[in-house]
Amino acid sequence: LPPYASEASSRAMRALRVVGLDQIAARPARVLSAGEMQRVAIARAIALPPVLLVADEPTGNLDRLSTETVMECFAHLHKEHNMTMLLVTHNESLLKYATRHWRCRDGTIEDLDIRA
């Protein structure tokens, strides 16, 4: 194995631990639930911690419980790792997880946090 393989493996396991999937790391992808696959995608994105994480409809195909799990993971990453995230969604119930809110309407971006 290349010298960096153990470091890469260590980073991967840390990222899986952050999203709560370290206990199923050896499972093949074909047996993972939709929520678990979504969290694996998040783990891949954060294995080398980005300054900005862009997530386009990260909960679009998930049930309510899996959606909450993914959003709690994002909240943890933001709070504990000071990670900035840009979340794009049609699900307005996810607004409670965000610190800033914008809406794109007819090609115009509106800052919903500006109070007139």
PDB file of N, CA and C in Angstrom:
ATOM      1  N   LEU A   1       0.831  -1.197   0.000  1.00  0.00           N
ATOM      2  CA  LEU A   1       0.000   0.000   0.000  1.00  0.00           C
ATOM      3  C   LEU A   1       0.873   1.257   0.000  1.00  0.00           C
ATOM      4  N   PRO A   2       0.398   2.283  -0.688  1.00  0.00           N
ATOM      5  CA  PRO A   2       1.147   3.552  -0.683  1.00  0.00           C
ATOM      6  C   PRO A   2       1.235   4.105   0.736  1.00  0.00           C
ATOM      7  N   PRO A   3       2.247   4.920   1.022  1.00  0.00           N
ATOM      8  CA  PRO A   3       2.438   5.455   2.377  1.00  0.00           C
ATOM      9  C   PRO A   3       1.269   6.297   2.869  1.00  0.00           C
ATOM     10  N   TYR A   4       0.521   6.911   1.962  1.00  0.00           N
ATOM     11  CA  TYR A   4      -0.588   7.771   2.373  1.00  0.00           C
ATOM     12  C   TYR A   4      -1.882   6.988   2.600  1.00  0.00           C
ATOM     13  N   ALA A   5      -1.893   5.676   2.334  1.00  0.00           N
ATOM     14  CA  ALA A   5      -3.112   4.877   2.450  1.00  0.00           C
ATOM     15  C   ALA A   5      -3.646   4.844   3.881  1.00  0.00           C
ATOM     16  N   SER A   6      -2.768   4.722   4.865  1.00  0.00           N
ATOM     17  CA  SER A   6      -3.248   4.665   6.247  1.00  0.00           C
ATOM     18  C   SER A   6      -3.828   6.011   6.675  1.00  0.00           C
ATOM     19  N   GLU A   7      -3.232   7.114   6.206  1.00  0.00           N
ATOM     20  CA  GLU A   7      -3.785   8.430   6.524  1.00  0.00           C
ATOM     21  C   GLU A   7      -5.145   8.604   5.854  1.00  0.00           C
ATOM     22  N   ALA A   8      -5.269   8.171   4.609  1.00  0.00           N
ATOM     23  CA  ALA A   8      -6.548   8.269   3.904  1.00  0.00           C
ATOM     24  C   ALA A   8      -7.613   7.430   4.589  1.00  0.00           C
ATOM     25  N   SER A   9      -7.234   6.239   5.015  1.00  0.00           N
ATOM     26  CA  SER A   9      -8.167   5.362   5.717  1.00  0.00           C
ATOM     27  C   SER A   9      -8.600   5.987   7.040  1.00  0.00           C
ATOM     28  N   SER A  10      -7.668   6.597   7.741  1.00  0.00           N
ATOM     29  CA  SER A  10      -7.969   7.249   9.005  1.00  0.00           C
ATOM     30  C   SER A  10      -8.930   8.422   8.799  1.00  0.00           C
ATOM     31  N   ARG A  11      -8.681   9.228   7.768  1.00  0.00           N
ATOM     32  CA  ARG A  11      -9.575  10.358   7.458  1.00  0.00           C
ATOM     33  C   ARG A  11     -10.970   9.862   7.108  1.00  0.00           C
ATOM     34  N   ALA A  12     -11.041   8.790   6.313  1.00  0.00           N
ATOM     35  CA  ALA A  12     -12.334   8.233   5.912  1.00  0.00           C
ATOM     36  C   ALA A  12     -13.120   7.749   7.129  1.00  0.00           C
ATOM     37  N   MET A  13     -12.447   7.060   8.044  1.00  0.00           N
ATOM     38  CA  MET A  13     -13.131   6.564   9.236  1.00  0.00           C
ATOM     39  C   MET A  13     -13.585   7.718  10.132  1.00  0.00           C
ATOM     40  N   ARG A  14     -12.770   8.778  10.237  1.00  0.00           N
ATOM     41  CA  ARG A  14     -13.178   9.956  11.020  1.00  0.00           C
ATOM     42  C   ARG A  14     -14.432  10.572  10.412  1.00  0.00           C
ATOM     43  N   ALA A  15     -14.461  10.705   9.087  1.00  0.00           N
ATOM     44  CA  ALA A  15     -15.618  11.300   8.416  1.00  0.00           C
ATOM     45  C   ALA A  15     -16.856  10.425   8.604  1.00  0.00           C
ATOM     46  N   LEU A  16     -16.688   9.111   8.520  1.00  0.00           N
ATOM     47  CA  LEU A  16     -17.819   8.213   8.755  1.00  0.00           C
ATOM     48  C   LEU A  16     -18.308   8.309  10.199  1.00  0.00           C
ATOM     49  N   ARG A  17     -17.406   8.501  11.131  1.00  0.00           N
ATOM     50  CA  ARG A  17     -17.778   8.661  12.537  1.00  0.00           C
ATOM     51  C   ARG A  17     -18.603   9.935  12.727  1.00  0.00           C
ATOM     52  N   VAL A  18     -18.208  11.013  12.050  1.00  0.00           N
ATOM     53  CA  VAL A  18     -18.932  12.285  12.160  1.00  0.00           C
ATOM     54  C   VAL A  18     -20.382  12.120  11.707  1.00  0.00           C
ATOM     55  N   VAL A  19     -20.604  11.346  10.652  1.00  0.00           N
ATOM     56  CA  VAL A  19     -21.966  11.168  10.137  1.00  0.00           C
ATOM     57  C   VAL A  19     -22.669   9.961  10.757  1.00  0.00           C
ATOM     58  N   GLY A  20     -22.014   9.326  11.735  1.00  0.00           N
ATOM     59  CA  GLY A  20     -22.631   8.234  12.464  1.00  0.00           C
ATOM     60  C   GLY A  20     -22.667   6.904  11.740  1.00  0.00           C
ATOM     61  N   LEU A  21     -21.716   6.663  10.833  1.00  0.00           N
ATOM     62  CA  LEU A  21     -21.719   5.427  10.052  1.00  0.00           C
ATOM     63  C   LEU A  21     -20.453   4.597  10.206  1.00  0.00           C
ATOM     64  N   ASP A  22     -19.615   4.902  11.168  1.00  0.00           N
ATOM     65  CA  ASP A  22     -18.371   4.153  11.307  1.00  0.00           C
ATOM     66  C   ASP A  22     -18.612   2.670  11.577  1.00  0.00           C
ATOM     67  N   GLN A  23     -19.732   2.335  12.206  1.00  0.00           N
ATOM     68  CA  GLN A  23     -20.014   0.937  12.526  1.00  0.00           C
ATOM     69  C   GLN A  23     -20.404   0.105  11.304  1.00  0.00           C
ATOM     70  N   ILE A  24     -20.714   0.748  10.178  1.00  0.00           N
ATOM     71  CA  ILE A  24     -21.098  -0.014   8.985  1.00  0.00           C
ATOM     72  C   ILE A  24     -20.128   0.219   7.829  1.00  0.00           C
ATOM     73  N   ALA A  25     -18.923   0.627   8.140  1.00  0.00           N
ATOM     74  CA  ALA A  25     -17.942   0.977   7.105  1.00  0.00           C
ATOM     75  C   ALA A  25     -17.653  -0.169   6.137  1.00  0.00           C
ATOM     76  N   ALA A  26     -17.750  -1.392   6.582  1.00  0.00           N
ATOM     77  CA  ALA A  26     -17.420  -2.535   5.727  1.00  0.00           C
ATOM     78  C   ALA A  26     -18.593  -3.004   4.864  1.00  0.00           C
ATOM     79  N   ARG A  27     -19.775  -2.451   5.082  1.00  0.00           N
ATOM     80  CA  ARG A  27     -20.942  -2.873   4.295  1.00  0.00           C
ATOM     81  C   ARG A  27     -20.815  -2.442   2.844  1.00  0.00           C
ATOM     82  N   PRO A  28     -21.245  -3.289   1.912  1.00  0.00           N
ATOM     83  CA  PRO A  28     -21.253  -2.863   0.508  1.00  0.00           C
ATOM     84  C   PRO A  28     -22.340  -1.806   0.275  1.00  0.00           C
ATOM     85  N   ALA A  29     -22.103  -0.915  -0.654  1.00  0.00           N
ATOM     86  CA  ALA A  29     -23.029   0.189  -0.926  1.00  0.00           C
ATOM     87  C   ALA A  29     -24.423  -0.307  -1.284  1.00  0.00           C
ATOM     88  N   ARG A  30     -24.527  -1.453  -1.929  1.00  0.00           N
ATOM     89  CA  ARG A  30     -25.834  -1.931  -2.391  1.00  0.00           C
ATOM     90  C   ARG A  30     -26.802  -2.263  -1.255  1.00  0.00           C
ATOM     91  N   VAL A  31     -26.301  -2.409  -0.030  1.00  0.00           N
ATOM     92  CA  VAL A  31     -27.193  -2.739   1.085  1.00  0.00           C
ATOM     93  C   VAL A  31     -27.482  -1.537   1.990  1.00  0.00           C
ATOM     94  N   LEU A  32     -26.995  -0.363   1.621  1.00  0.00           N
ATOM     95  CA  LEU A  32     -27.235   0.837   2.422  1.00  0.00           C
ATOM     96  C   LEU A  32     -28.599   1.434   2.099  1.00  0.00           C
ATOM     97  N   SER A  33     -29.229   2.030   3.105  1.00  0.00           N
ATOM     98  CA  SER A  33     -30.485   2.738   2.878  1.00  0.00           C
ATOM     99  C   SER A  33     -30.195   4.065   2.180  1.00  0.00           C
ATOM    100  N   ALA A  34     -31.245   4.725   1.711  1.00  0.00           N
ATOM    101  CA  ALA A  34     -31.080   6.026   1.054  1.00  0.00           C
ATOM    102  C   ALA A  34     -30.446   7.039   2.006  1.00  0.00           C
ATOM    103  N   GLY A  35     -30.880   7.025   3.262  1.00  0.00           N
ATOM    104  CA  GLY A  35     -30.314   7.943   4.248  1.00  0.00           C
ATOM    105  C   GLY A  35     -28.854   7.657   4.520  1.00  0.00           C
ATOM    106  N   GLU A  36     -28.493   6.381   4.582  1.00  0.00           N
ATOM    107  CA  GLU A  36     -27.098   6.012   4.805  1.00  0.00           C
ATOM    108  C   GLU A  36     -26.244   6.413   3.604  1.00  0.00           C
ATOM    109  N   MET A  37     -26.763   6.215   2.393  1.00  0.00           N
ATOM    110  CA  MET A  37     -26.012   6.620   1.194  1.00  0.00           C
ATOM    111  C   MET A  37     -25.791   8.126   1.172  1.00  0.00           C
ATOM    112  N   GLN A  38     -26.808   8.873   1.610  1.00  0.00           N
ATOM    113  CA  GLN A  38     -26.672  10.335   1.651  1.00  0.00           C
ATOM    114  C   GLN A  38     -25.592  10.728   2.650  1.00  0.00           C
ATOM    115  N   ARG A  39     -25.560  10.070   3.798  1.00  0.00           N
ATOM    116  CA  ARG A  39     -24.544  10.378   4.802  1.00  0.00           C
ATOM    117  C   ARG A  39     -23.152   9.945   4.347  1.00  0.00           C
ATOM    118  N   VAL A  40     -23.049   8.872   3.573  1.00  0.00           N
ATOM    119  CA  VAL A  40     -21.760   8.485   2.994  1.00  0.00           C
ATOM    120  C   VAL A  40     -21.280   9.581   2.047  1.00  0.00           C
ATOM    121  N   ALA A  41     -22.201  10.140   1.271  1.00  0.00           N
ATOM    122  CA  ALA A  41     -21.833  11.241   0.367  1.00  0.00           C
ATOM    123  C   ALA A  41     -21.310  12.437   1.157  1.00  0.00           C
ATOM    124  N   ILE A  42     -21.938  12.726   2.283  1.00  0.00           N
ATOM    125  CA  ILE A  42     -21.473  13.822   3.142  1.00  0.00           C
ATOM    126  C   ILE A  42     -20.088  13.488   3.692  1.00  0.00           C
ATOM    127  N   ALA A  43     -19.897  12.247   4.126  1.00  0.00           N
ATOM    128  CA  ALA A  43     -18.588  11.835   4.648  1.00  0.00           C
ATOM    129  C   ALA A  43     -17.509  12.010   3.589  1.00  0.00           C
ATOM    130  N   ARG A  44     -17.805  11.662   2.355  1.00  0.00           N
ATOM    131  CA  ARG A  44     -16.829  11.858   1.278  1.00  0.00           C
ATOM    132  C   ARG A  44     -16.475  13.332   1.131  1.00  0.00           C
ATOM    133  N   ALA A  45     -17.504  14.172   1.235  1.00  0.00           N
ATOM    134  CA  ALA A  45     -17.286  15.610   1.054  1.00  0.00           C
ATOM    135  C   ALA A  45     -16.463  16.224   2.175  1.00  0.00           C
ATOM    136  N   ILE A  46     -16.545  15.653   3.372  1.00  0.00           N
ATOM    137  CA  ILE A  46     -15.856  16.269   4.515  1.00  0.00           C
ATOM    138  C   ILE A  46     -14.586  15.539   4.924  1.00  0.00           C
ATOM    139  N   ALA A  47     -14.229  14.470   4.228  1.00  0.00           N
ATOM    140  CA  ALA A  47     -13.023  13.719   4.595  1.00  0.00           C
ATOM    141  C   ALA A  47     -11.795  14.628   4.601  1.00  0.00           C
ATOM    142  N   LEU A  48     -11.713  15.505   3.638  1.00  0.00           N
ATOM    143  CA  LEU A  48     -10.716  16.584   3.634  1.00  0.00           C
ATOM    144  C   LEU A  48     -11.515  17.855   3.864  1.00  0.00           C
ATOM    145  N   PRO A  49     -11.605  18.318   5.089  1.00  0.00           N
ATOM    146  CA  PRO A  49     -12.559  19.371   5.446  1.00  0.00           C
ATOM    147  C   PRO A  49     -12.518  20.588   4.522  1.00  0.00           C
ATOM    148  N   PRO A  50     -13.634  20.832   3.846  1.00  0.00           N
ATOM    149  CA  PRO A  50     -13.696  22.006   2.976  1.00  0.00           C
ATOM    150  C   PRO A  50     -13.993  23.270   3.781  1.00  0.00           C
ATOM    151  N   VAL A  51     -13.676  24.410   3.211  1.00  0.00           N
ATOM    152  CA  VAL A  51     -14.035  25.681   3.824  1.00  0.00           C
ATOM    153  C   VAL A  51     -15.515  25.942   3.576  1.00  0.00           C
ATOM    154  N   LEU A  52     -15.985  25.519   2.395  1.00  0.00           N
ATOM    155  CA  LEU A  52     -17.378  25.708   1.991  1.00  0.00           C
ATOM    156  C   LEU A  52     -17.908  24.384   1.472  1.00  0.00           C
ATOM    157  N   LEU A  53     -19.050  23.958   1.997  1.00  0.00           N
ATOM    158  CA  LEU A  53     -19.713  22.750   1.527  1.00  0.00           C
ATOM    159  C   LEU A  53     -21.000  23.183   0.844  1.00  0.00           C
ATOM    160  N   VAL A  54     -21.159  22.840  -0.428  1.00  0.00           N
ATOM    161  CA  VAL A  54     -22.359  23.164  -1.190  1.00  0.00           C
ATOM    162  C   VAL A  54     -23.190  21.896  -1.311  1.00  0.00           C
ATOM    163  N   ALA A  55     -24.436  21.968  -0.870  1.00  0.00           N
ATOM    164  CA  ALA A  55     -25.326  20.811  -0.904  1.00  0.00           C
ATOM    165  C   ALA A  55     -26.600  21.181  -1.656  1.00  0.00           C
ATOM    166  N   ASP A  56     -26.828  20.542  -2.788  1.00  0.00           N
ATOM    167  CA  ASP A  56     -27.998  20.795  -3.619  1.00  0.00           C
ATOM    168  C   ASP A  56     -29.023  19.700  -3.364  1.00  0.00           C
ATOM    169  N   GLU A  57     -30.110  20.066  -2.696  1.00  0.00           N
ATOM    170  CA  GLU A  57     -31.190  19.135  -2.337  1.00  0.00           C
ATOM    171  C   GLU A  57     -30.657  17.876  -1.646  1.00  0.00           C
ATOM    172  N   PRO A  58     -29.877  18.027  -0.561  1.00  0.00           N
ATOM    173  CA  PRO A  58     -29.278  16.859   0.082  1.00  0.00           C
ATOM    174  C   PRO A  58     -30.286  15.931   0.749  1.00  0.00           C
ATOM    175  N   THR A  59     -31.507  16.412   0.951  1.00  0.00           N
ATOM    176  CA  THR A  59     -32.515  15.573   1.599  1.00  0.00           C
ATOM    177  C   THR A  59     -33.704  15.310   0.685  1.00  0.00           C
ATOM    178  N   GLY A  60     -33.570  15.622  -0.583  1.00  0.00           N
ATOM    179  CA  GLY A  60     -34.681  15.540  -1.528  1.00  0.00           C
ATOM    180  C   GLY A  60     -35.374  14.194  -1.611  1.00  0.00           C
ATOM    181  N   ASN A  61     -34.644  13.110  -1.490  1.00  0.00           N
ATOM    182  CA  ASN A  61     -35.231  11.776  -1.632  1.00  0.00           C
ATOM    183  C   ASN A  61     -35.302  11.018  -0.311  1.00  0.00           C
ATOM    184  N   LEU A  62     -35.223  11.735   0.798  1.00  0.00           N
ATOM    185  CA  LEU A  62     -35.162  11.073   2.098  1.00  0.00           C
ATOM    186  C   LEU A  62     -36.473  11.190   2.866  1.00  0.00           C
ATOM    187  N   ASP A  63     -36.726  10.213   3.733  1.00  0.00           N
ATOM    188  CA  ASP A  63     -37.874  10.302   4.631  1.00  0.00           C
ATOM    189  C   ASP A  63     -37.563  11.314   5.729  1.00  0.00           C
ATOM    190  N   ARG A  64     -38.561  11.599   6.552  1.00  0.00           N
ATOM    191  CA  ARG A  64     -38.415  12.640   7.571  1.00  0.00           C
ATOM    192  C   ARG A  64     -37.291  12.340   8.555  1.00  0.00           C
ATOM    193  N   LEU A  65     -37.198  11.093   9.016  1.00  0.00           N
ATOM    194  CA  LEU A  65     -36.166  10.729   9.991  1.00  0.00           C
ATOM    195  C   LEU A  65     -34.769  10.855   9.385  1.00  0.00           C
ATOM    196  N   SER A  66     -34.585  10.375   8.162  1.00  0.00           N
ATOM    197  CA  SER A  66     -33.282  10.490   7.502  1.00  0.00           C
ATOM    198  C   SER A  66     -32.938  11.950   7.232  1.00  0.00           C
ATOM    199  N   THR A  67     -33.956  12.752   6.885  1.00  0.00           N
ATOM    200  CA  THR A  67     -33.742  14.184   6.668  1.00  0.00           C
ATOM    201  C   THR A  67     -33.228  14.839   7.941  1.00  0.00           C
ATOM    202  N   GLU A  68     -33.855  14.526   9.068  1.00  0.00           N
ATOM    203  CA  GLU A  68     -33.418  15.099  10.345  1.00  0.00           C
ATOM    204  C   GLU A  68     -31.994  14.666  10.685  1.00  0.00           C
ATOM    205  N   THR A  69     -31.662  13.419  10.407  1.00  0.00           N
ATOM    206  CA  THR A  69     -30.318  12.915  10.687  1.00  0.00           C
ATOM    207  C   THR A  69     -29.279  13.675   9.870  1.00  0.00           C
ATOM    208  N   VAL A  70     -29.549  13.852   8.580  1.00  0.00           N
ATOM    209  CA  VAL A  70     -28.616  14.573   7.707  1.00  0.00           C
ATOM    210  C   VAL A  70     -28.485  16.024   8.147  1.00  0.00           C
ATOM    211  N   MET A  71     -29.601  16.660   8.469  1.00  0.00           N
ATOM    212  CA  MET A  71     -29.545  18.071   8.867  1.00  0.00           C
ATOM    213  C   MET A  71     -28.858  18.249  10.215  1.00  0.00           C
ATOM    214  N   GLU A  72     -29.036  17.323  11.130  1.00  0.00           N
ATOM    215  CA  GLU A  72     -28.318  17.386  12.406  1.00  0.00           C
ATOM    216  C   GLU A  72     -26.817  17.216  12.171  1.00  0.00           C
ATOM    217  N   CYS A  73     -26.462  16.376  11.221  1.00  0.00           N
ATOM    218  CA  CYS A  73     -25.054  16.209  10.859  1.00  0.00           C
ATOM    219  C   CYS A  73     -24.492  17.532  10.333  1.00  0.00           C
ATOM    220  N   PHE A  74     -25.238  18.195   9.446  1.00  0.00           N
ATOM    221  CA  PHE A  74     -24.799  19.491   8.931  1.00  0.00           C
ATOM    222  C   PHE A  74     -24.648  20.498  10.066  1.00  0.00           C
ATOM    223  N   ALA A  75     -25.607  20.522  10.981  1.00  0.00           N
ATOM    224  CA  ALA A  75     -25.550  21.455  12.111  1.00  0.00           C
ATOM    225  C   ALA A  75     -24.305  21.187  12.951  1.00  0.00           C
ATOM    226  N   HIS A  76     -23.993  19.916  13.172  1.00  0.00           N
ATOM    227  CA  HIS A  76     -22.794  19.546  13.929  1.00  0.00           C
ATOM    228  C   HIS A  76     -21.534  20.036  13.215  1.00  0.00           C
ATOM    229  N   LEU A  77     -21.463  19.817  11.915  1.00  0.00           N
ATOM    230  CA  LEU A  77     -20.285  20.244  11.144  1.00  0.00           C
ATOM    231  C   LEU A  77     -20.113  21.757  11.209  1.00  0.00           C
ATOM    232  N   HIS A  78     -21.222  22.469  11.118  1.00  0.00           N
ATOM    233  CA  HIS A  78     -21.149  23.927  11.171  1.00  0.00           C
ATOM    234  C   HIS A  78     -20.657  24.386  12.550  1.00  0.00           C
ATOM    235  N   LYS A  79     -21.232  23.811  13.589  1.00  0.00           N
ATOM    236  CA  LYS A  79     -20.904  24.246  14.955  1.00  0.00           C
ATOM    237  C   LYS A  79     -19.522  23.788  15.400  1.00  0.00           C
ATOM    238  N   GLU A  80     -19.218  22.520  15.220  1.00  0.00           N
ATOM    239  CA  GLU A  80     -17.982  21.956  15.758  1.00  0.00           C
ATOM    240  C   GLU A  80     -16.764  22.176  14.864  1.00  0.00           C
ATOM    241  N   HIS A  81     -16.984  22.318  13.571  1.00  0.00           N
ATOM    242  CA  HIS A  81     -15.853  22.439  12.641  1.00  0.00           C
ATOM    243  C   HIS A  81     -15.851  23.776  11.907  1.00  0.00           C
ATOM    244  N   ASN A  82     -16.742  24.667  12.318  1.00  0.00           N
ATOM    245  CA  ASN A  82     -16.821  26.002  11.730  1.00  0.00           C
ATOM    246  C   ASN A  82     -16.915  25.947  10.211  1.00  0.00           C
ATOM    247  N   MET A  83     -17.651  24.975   9.705  1.00  0.00           N
ATOM    248  CA  MET A  83     -17.780  24.782   8.267  1.00  0.00           C
ATOM    249  C   MET A  83     -18.946  25.622   7.735  1.00  0.00           C
ATOM    250  N   THR A  84     -18.682  26.383   6.698  1.00  0.00           N
ATOM    251  CA  THR A  84     -19.721  27.154   6.038  1.00  0.00           C
ATOM    252  C   THR A  84     -20.415  26.252   5.034  1.00  0.00           C
ATOM    253  N   MET A  85     -21.741  26.306   5.007  1.00  0.00           N
ATOM    254  CA  MET A  85     -22.512  25.466   4.093  1.00  0.00           C
ATOM    255  C   MET A  85     -23.502  26.304   3.328  1.00  0.00           C
ATOM    256  N   LEU A  86     -23.647  25.955   2.070  1.00  0.00           N
ATOM    257  CA  LEU A  86     -24.671  26.548   1.224  1.00  0.00           C
ATOM    258  C   LEU A  86     -25.609  25.414   0.869  1.00  0.00           C
ATOM    259  N   LEU A  87     -26.811  25.477   1.395  1.00  0.00           N
ATOM    260  CA  LEU A  87     -27.801  24.426   1.206  1.00  0.00           C
ATOM    261  C   LEU A  87     -28.887  24.943   0.276  1.00  0.00           C
ATOM    262  N   VAL A  88     -29.118  24.239  -0.803  1.00  0.00           N
ATOM    263  CA  VAL A  88     -30.175  24.590  -1.751  1.00  0.00           C
ATOM    264  C   VAL A  88     -31.281  23.560  -1.586  1.00  0.00           C
ATOM    265  N   THR A  89     -32.508  24.040  -1.337  1.00  0.00           N
ATOM    266  CA  THR A  89     -33.616  23.115  -1.131  1.00  0.00           C
ATOM    267  C   THR A  89     -34.949  23.784  -1.451  1.00  0.00           C
ATOM    268  N   HIS A  90     -35.937  22.947  -1.731  1.00  0.00           N
ATOM    269  CA  HIS A  90     -37.313  23.419  -1.871  1.00  0.00           C
ATOM    270  C   HIS A  90     -38.082  23.194  -0.562  1.00  0.00           C
ATOM    271  N   ASN A  91     -37.468  22.512   0.385  1.00  0.00           N
ATOM    272  CA  ASN A  91     -38.114  22.126   1.636  1.00  0.00           C
ATOM    273  C   ASN A  91     -37.973  23.252   2.657  1.00  0.00           C
ATOM    274  N   GLU A  92     -39.018  24.049   2.805  1.00  0.00           N
ATOM    275  CA  GLU A  92     -38.952  25.201   3.706  1.00  0.00           C
ATOM    276  C   GLU A  92     -38.872  24.803   5.177  1.00  0.00           C
ATOM    277  N   SER A  93     -39.196  23.555   5.510  1.00  0.00           N
ATOM    278  CA  SER A  93     -39.085  23.125   6.908  1.00  0.00           C
ATOM    279  C   SER A  93     -37.627  23.046   7.347  1.00  0.00           C
ATOM    280  N   LEU A  94     -36.695  23.089   6.405  1.00  0.00           N
ATOM    281  CA  LEU A  94     -35.268  23.039   6.743  1.00  0.00           C
ATOM    282  C   LEU A  94     -34.707  24.413   7.097  1.00  0.00           C
ATOM    283  N   LEU A  95     -35.497  25.454   6.942  1.00  0.00           N
ATOM    284  CA  LEU A  95     -35.028  26.807   7.259  1.00  0.00           C
ATOM    285  C   LEU A  95     -34.563  26.929   8.706  1.00  0.00           C
ATOM    286  N   LYS A  96     -35.144  26.152   9.602  1.00  0.00           N
ATOM    287  CA  LYS A  96     -34.784  26.239  11.018  1.00  0.00           C
ATOM    288  C   LYS A  96     -33.328  25.860  11.269  1.00  0.00           C
ATOM    289  N   TYR A  97     -32.701  25.146  10.339  1.00  0.00           N
ATOM    290  CA  TYR A  97     -31.306  24.744  10.506  1.00  0.00           C
ATOM    291  C   TYR A  97     -30.331  25.811  10.014  1.00  0.00           C
ATOM    292  N   ALA A  98     -30.806  26.787   9.280  1.00  0.00           N
ATOM    293  CA  ALA A  98     -29.921  27.767   8.640  1.00  0.00           C
ATOM    294  C   ALA A  98     -29.791  29.039   9.471  1.00  0.00           C
ATOM    295  N   THR A  99     -28.656  29.699   9.314  1.00  0.00           N
ATOM    296  CA  THR A  99     -28.453  30.974   9.996  1.00  0.00           C
ATOM    297  C   THR A  99     -28.732  32.158   9.074  1.00  0.00           C
ATOM    298  N   ARG A 100     -28.748  31.924   7.783  1.00  0.00           N
ATOM    299  CA  ARG A 100     -29.090  32.954   6.783  1.00  0.00           C
ATOM    300  C   ARG A 100     -30.044  32.319   5.792  1.00  0.00           C
ATOM    301  N   HIS A 101     -30.943  33.127   5.241  1.00  0.00           N
ATOM    302  CA  HIS A 101     -31.947  32.611   4.315  1.00  0.00           C
ATOM    303  C   HIS A 101     -32.063  33.501   3.089  1.00  0.00           C
ATOM    304  N   TRP A 102     -32.019  32.879   1.919  1.00  0.00           N
ATOM    305  CA  TRP A 102     -32.255  33.572   0.660  1.00  0.00           C
ATOM    306  C   TRP A 102     -33.283  32.784  -0.133  1.00  0.00           C
ATOM    307  N   ARG A 103     -33.982  33.462  -1.001  1.00  0.00           N
ATOM    308  CA  ARG A 103     -34.930  32.807  -1.892  1.00  0.00           C
ATOM    309  C   ARG A 103     -34.640  33.280  -3.311  1.00  0.00           C
ATOM    310  N   CYS A 104     -34.658  32.351  -4.237  1.00  0.00           N
ATOM    311  CA  CYS A 104     -34.522  32.699  -5.648  1.00  0.00           C
ATOM    312  C   CYS A 104     -35.919  32.673  -6.252  1.00  0.00           C
ATOM    313  N   ARG A 105     -36.363  33.811  -6.725  1.00  0.00           N
ATOM    314  CA  ARG A 105     -37.697  33.922  -7.309  1.00  0.00           C
ATOM    315  C   ARG A 105     -37.591  34.682  -8.624  1.00  0.00           C
ATOM    316  N   ASP A 106     -38.041  34.038  -9.698  1.00  0.00           N
ATOM    317  CA  ASP A 106     -38.018  34.645 -11.036  1.00  0.00           C
ATOM    318  C   ASP A 106     -36.624  35.160 -11.410  1.00  0.00           C
ATOM    319  N   GLY A 107     -35.602  34.395 -11.024  1.00  0.00           N
ATOM    320  CA  GLY A 107     -34.233  34.742 -11.380  1.00  0.00           C
ATOM    321  C   GLY A 107     -33.597  35.792 -10.494  1.00  0.00           C
ATOM    322  N   THR A 108     -34.285  36.216  -9.453  1.00  0.00           N
ATOM    323  CA  THR A 108     -33.760  37.228  -8.538  1.00  0.00           C
ATOM    324  C   THR A 108     -33.583  36.603  -7.162  1.00  0.00           C
ATOM    325  N   ILE A 109     -32.431  36.892  -6.533  1.00  0.00           N
ATOM    326  CA  ILE A 109     -32.173  36.370  -5.200  1.00  0.00           C
ATOM    327  C   ILE A 109     -32.601  37.405  -4.175  1.00  0.00           C
ATOM    328  N   GLU A 110     -33.465  36.988  -3.256  1.00  0.00           N
ATOM    329  CA  GLU A 110     -33.961  37.859  -2.195  1.00  0.00           C
ATOM    330  C   GLU A 110     -33.338  37.432  -0.875  1.00  0.00           C
ATOM    331  N   ASP A 111     -32.803  38.355  -0.121  1.00  0.00           N
ATOM    332  CA  ASP A 111     -32.259  38.070   1.206  1.00  0.00           C
ATOM    333  C   ASP A 111     -33.423  38.140   2.188  1.00  0.00           C
ATOM    334  N   LEU A 112     -33.827  37.016   2.717  1.00  0.00           N
ATOM    335  CA  LEU A 112     -34.977  36.970   3.615  1.00  0.00           C
ATOM    336  C   LEU A 112     -34.635  37.438   5.022  1.00  0.00           C
ATOM    337  N   ASP A 113     -33.349  37.645   5.299  1.00  0.00           N
ATOM    338  CA  ASP A 113     -32.943  38.072   6.629  1.00  0.00           C
ATOM    339  C   ASP A 113     -32.898  39.574   6.794  1.00  0.00           C
ATOM    340  N   ILE A 114     -33.100  40.318   5.699  1.00  0.00           N
ATOM    341  CA  ILE A 114     -33.143  41.776   5.778  1.00  0.00           C
ATOM    342  C   ILE A 114     -34.542  42.191   6.215  1.00  0.00           C
ATOM    343  N   ARG A 115     -34.605  42.899   7.290  1.00  0.00           N
ATOM    344  CA  ARG A 115     -35.905  43.363   7.810  1.00  0.00           C
ATOM    345  C   ARG A 115     -36.139  44.797   7.339  1.00  0.00           C
ATOM    346  N   ALA A 116     -37.224  44.977   6.627  1.00  0.00           N
ATOM    347  CA  ALA A 116     -37.531  46.335   6.102  1.00  0.00           C
ATOM    348  C   ALA A 116     -38.212  47.173   7.148  1.00  0.00           C
TER     349      ALA A 116
END
